[in-house]
Every structure is written in C-alpha cells, then in structure tokens.
Amino acid sequence: MKLLNIIGLVVLLSGALAVAGFGLYKFFEETEIPLIIKGGLSAIVLGIVIILFSLIRERLKEKNL
C-alpha cells in the first residue's frame, strides 16, 4: 500500500471514529432513551466492530501468505 493511501485511510478512520464516538456519547448521555434500547444498540455496534476486525485480520493473513 502506498504511503498516501495509508495516510488517507488513517485520517478517514480517525474522523469517522471521532464522529461515532461523539454520537455514542450523546446517545448514552440522553436519559429519556430506555435502557433496553441502549443495550441493544450497544450489542449491534459491538457485533459490527468485531466482524470488521475479524475480516480485516483475515485479509491481512491472506496477503502475507
């Protein structure tokens, strides 16, 4: 991967994480949302993150072989 591609990917991911983190902070700060909804959404987000990390790890292993 070229250096500029890596830099662009890092900037994109850091911006996306900042926006997602702020959104999650505001979501959990809200007291009118029921706890079951907060827990369900947390489970969905955590599941997506785990799947993405496992896919990225598999791709990296395939490239190194």
Protein backbone atom coordinates (compact mmCIF):
# COMPACT_ATOMS: atom_id res chain seq x y z
CA MET A 1 0.00 0.00 0.00
CA LYS A 2 1.33 3.41 -0.86
CA LEU A 3 2.13 5.93 1.85
CA LEU A 4 -0.54 8.42 0.76
CA ASN A 5 -3.19 5.68 0.79
CA ILE A 6 -2.23 4.76 4.34
CA ILE A 7 -2.30 8.40 5.47
CA GLY A 8 -5.68 8.94 3.83
CA LEU A 9 -7.07 5.81 5.46
CA VAL A 10 -5.80 6.87 8.89
CA VAL A 11 -7.33 10.34 8.54
CA LEU A 12 -10.63 8.90 7.33
CA LEU A 13 -10.83 6.36 10.14
CA SER A 14 -9.87 8.87 12.83
CA GLY A 15 -12.54 11.29 11.63
CA ALA A 16 -15.16 8.55 11.49
CA LEU A 17 -14.22 7.37 14.98
CA ALA A 18 -14.43 10.92 16.34
CA VAL A 19 -17.92 11.44 14.90
CA ALA A 20 -19.12 7.99 16.00
CA GLY A 21 -17.66 8.48 19.47
CA PHE A 22 -19.38 11.83 19.89
CA GLY A 23 -22.67 10.34 18.70
CA LEU A 24 -22.40 7.46 21.14
CA TYR A 25 -21.53 9.84 23.96
CA LYS A 26 -24.61 11.96 23.27
CA PHE A 27 -26.75 8.82 22.88
CA PHE A 28 -25.76 7.43 26.27
CA GLU A 29 -25.98 10.85 27.90
CA GLU A 30 -29.67 11.06 26.96
CA THR A 31 -31.84 9.93 29.89
CA GLU A 32 -35.16 9.56 28.03
CA ILE A 33 -33.99 6.56 25.97
CA PRO A 34 -34.89 3.24 27.63
CA LEU A 35 -32.03 1.09 28.91
CA ILE A 36 -33.04 -1.88 26.74
CA ILE A 37 -32.63 0.25 23.60
CA LYS A 38 -29.22 1.45 24.75
CA GLY A 39 -28.12 -2.11 25.46
CA GLY A 40 -29.45 -3.43 22.16
CA LEU A 41 -27.76 -0.73 20.14
CA SER A 42 -24.52 -1.32 22.04
CA ALA A 43 -24.67 -5.02 21.18
CA ILE A 44 -25.27 -4.26 17.49
CA VAL A 45 -22.36 -1.81 17.30
CA LEU A 46 -20.05 -4.17 19.17
CA GLY A 47 -21.00 -7.04 16.86
CA ILE A 48 -20.27 -4.97 13.76
CA VAL A 49 -16.89 -3.90 15.15
CA ILE A 50 -15.93 -7.50 15.97
CA ILE A 51 -16.92 -8.69 12.49
CA LEU A 52 -14.98 -5.88 10.81
CA PHE A 53 -11.85 -6.59 12.85
CA SER A 54 -12.02 -10.30 12.09
CA LEU A 55 -12.46 -9.62 8.36
CA ILE A 56 -9.53 -7.21 8.31
CA ARG A 57 -7.38 -9.75 10.16
CA GLU A 58 -8.30 -12.49 7.69
CA ARG A 59 -7.45 -10.26 4.73
CA LEU A 60 -4.09 -9.35 6.23
CA LYS A 61 -3.28 -13.01 6.84
CA GLU A 62 -4.18 -13.86 3.22
CA LYS A 63 -1.94 -11.10 1.88
CA ASN A 64 1.04 -12.20 3.96
CA LEU A 65 0.91 -15.77 2.69
